[in-house]
């Protein structure tokens, strides 16, 4: 990834948004997901998924999956989503 000059934001290649998210931004999305518990995995499964993401070399900035561009804390909470790693999911 090319280096950025001081004061420049790193942008997502796909949508142009900043690739960095604050804790507050991620918590806000997770709060909205909590309104739809049927769409979410239980806390045990969520924790297991996050553990796999934390040990994955494709985790960028501590928040983002290099394979899909998703914030892992959000994607891991969604029951309909799987780990997008080429070659197979780490979420078993």
Protein backbone atom coordinates (compact mmCIF):
# COMPACT_ATOMS: atom_id res chain seq x y z
CA UNK A 1 0.00 0.00 0.00
CA UNK A 2 1.46 3.35 -0.92
CA UNK A 3 2.39 5.67 1.88
CA UNK A 4 0.31 8.78 2.40
CA UNK A 5 1.60 12.26 3.02
CA UNK A 6 1.07 13.84 6.41
CA UNK A 7 -2.52 14.90 6.87
CA UNK A 8 -3.92 12.71 4.08
CA UNK A 9 -6.54 10.06 4.78
CA UNK A 10 -6.08 6.50 3.60
CA UNK A 11 -9.07 5.67 1.42
CA UNK A 12 -10.86 2.46 0.58
CA UNK A 13 -10.12 1.50 -3.02
CA UNK A 14 -13.71 0.35 -3.51
CA UNK A 15 -15.78 3.23 -2.17
CA UNK A 16 -13.45 6.11 -1.34
CA UNK A 17 -14.41 6.20 2.34
CA UNK A 18 -11.76 6.36 5.04
CA UNK A 19 -10.40 2.91 5.85
CA UNK A 20 -10.11 3.82 9.52
CA UNK A 21 -13.14 3.66 11.81
CA UNK A 22 -13.39 4.92 15.33
CA UNK A 23 -14.58 2.74 18.18
CA UNK A 24 -17.65 4.96 18.38
CA UNK A 25 -18.52 4.37 14.71
CA UNK A 26 -18.24 0.60 15.04
CA UNK A 27 -20.23 0.60 18.30
CA UNK A 28 -22.98 2.62 16.60
CA UNK A 29 -23.31 -0.02 13.85
CA UNK A 30 -23.28 -2.85 16.40
CA UNK A 31 -25.98 -1.03 18.37
CA UNK A 32 -28.19 -0.97 15.29
CA UNK A 33 -27.58 -4.68 14.75
CA UNK A 34 -28.68 -5.37 18.33
CA UNK A 35 -32.15 -4.19 17.31
CA UNK A 36 -32.34 -7.26 15.04
CA UNK A 37 -31.21 -10.21 17.22
CA UNK A 38 -32.49 -12.77 14.72
CA UNK A 39 -29.85 -11.56 12.26
CA UNK A 40 -27.00 -11.95 14.76
CA UNK A 41 -24.96 -14.82 16.15
CA UNK A 42 -24.88 -15.46 19.91
CA UNK A 43 -22.10 -13.99 22.03
CA UNK A 44 -20.13 -17.26 22.20
CA UNK A 45 -20.02 -17.70 18.45
CA UNK A 46 -19.28 -13.99 18.00
CA UNK A 47 -16.29 -14.21 20.34
CA UNK A 48 -14.96 -17.30 18.55
CA UNK A 49 -15.23 -15.54 15.20
CA UNK A 50 -13.44 -12.46 16.51
CA UNK A 51 -10.66 -14.63 17.94
CA UNK A 52 -10.09 -16.11 14.48
CA UNK A 53 -10.07 -12.66 12.89
CA UNK A 54 -7.61 -11.35 15.48
CA UNK A 55 -5.11 -14.07 14.57
CA UNK A 56 -5.60 -13.71 10.80
CA UNK A 57 -2.75 -12.03 8.89
CA UNK A 58 -5.36 -10.38 6.66
CA UNK A 59 -6.69 -8.20 9.49
CA UNK A 60 -5.80 -4.60 8.64
CA UNK A 61 -5.74 -1.62 11.02
CA UNK A 62 -7.07 -3.93 13.73
CA UNK A 63 -10.57 -3.47 12.33
CA UNK A 64 -10.80 -4.38 8.65
CA UNK A 65 -10.73 -7.61 6.64
CA UNK A 66 -8.39 -7.33 3.66
CA UNK A 67 -10.46 -9.83 1.67
CA UNK A 68 -13.83 -8.05 1.74
CA UNK A 69 -13.16 -4.63 3.27
CA UNK A 70 -15.69 -5.22 6.07
CA UNK A 71 -15.20 -4.17 9.65
CA UNK A 72 -14.65 -7.58 11.24
CA UNK A 73 -16.59 -6.74 14.42
CA UNK A 74 -19.66 -6.08 12.29
CA UNK A 75 -19.31 -8.95 9.81
CA UNK A 76 -18.61 -11.45 12.61
CA UNK A 77 -21.87 -10.49 14.34
CA UNK A 78 -24.03 -11.24 11.28
CA UNK A 79 -25.38 -14.80 11.16
CA UNK A 80 -25.71 -14.78 7.37
CA UNK A 81 -22.05 -13.88 6.81
CA UNK A 82 -19.01 -16.12 6.74
CA UNK A 83 -15.27 -15.53 6.76
CA UNK A 84 -14.34 -14.43 3.21
CA UNK A 85 -10.81 -15.84 3.27
CA UNK A 86 -9.91 -17.40 -0.09
CA UNK A 87 -9.38 -21.10 0.38
CA UNK A 88 -11.94 -21.44 3.14
CA UNK A 89 -13.51 -19.81 6.13
CA UNK A 90 -11.62 -19.51 9.40
CA UNK A 91 -14.92 -19.44 11.27
CA UNK A 92 -15.49 -23.20 10.96
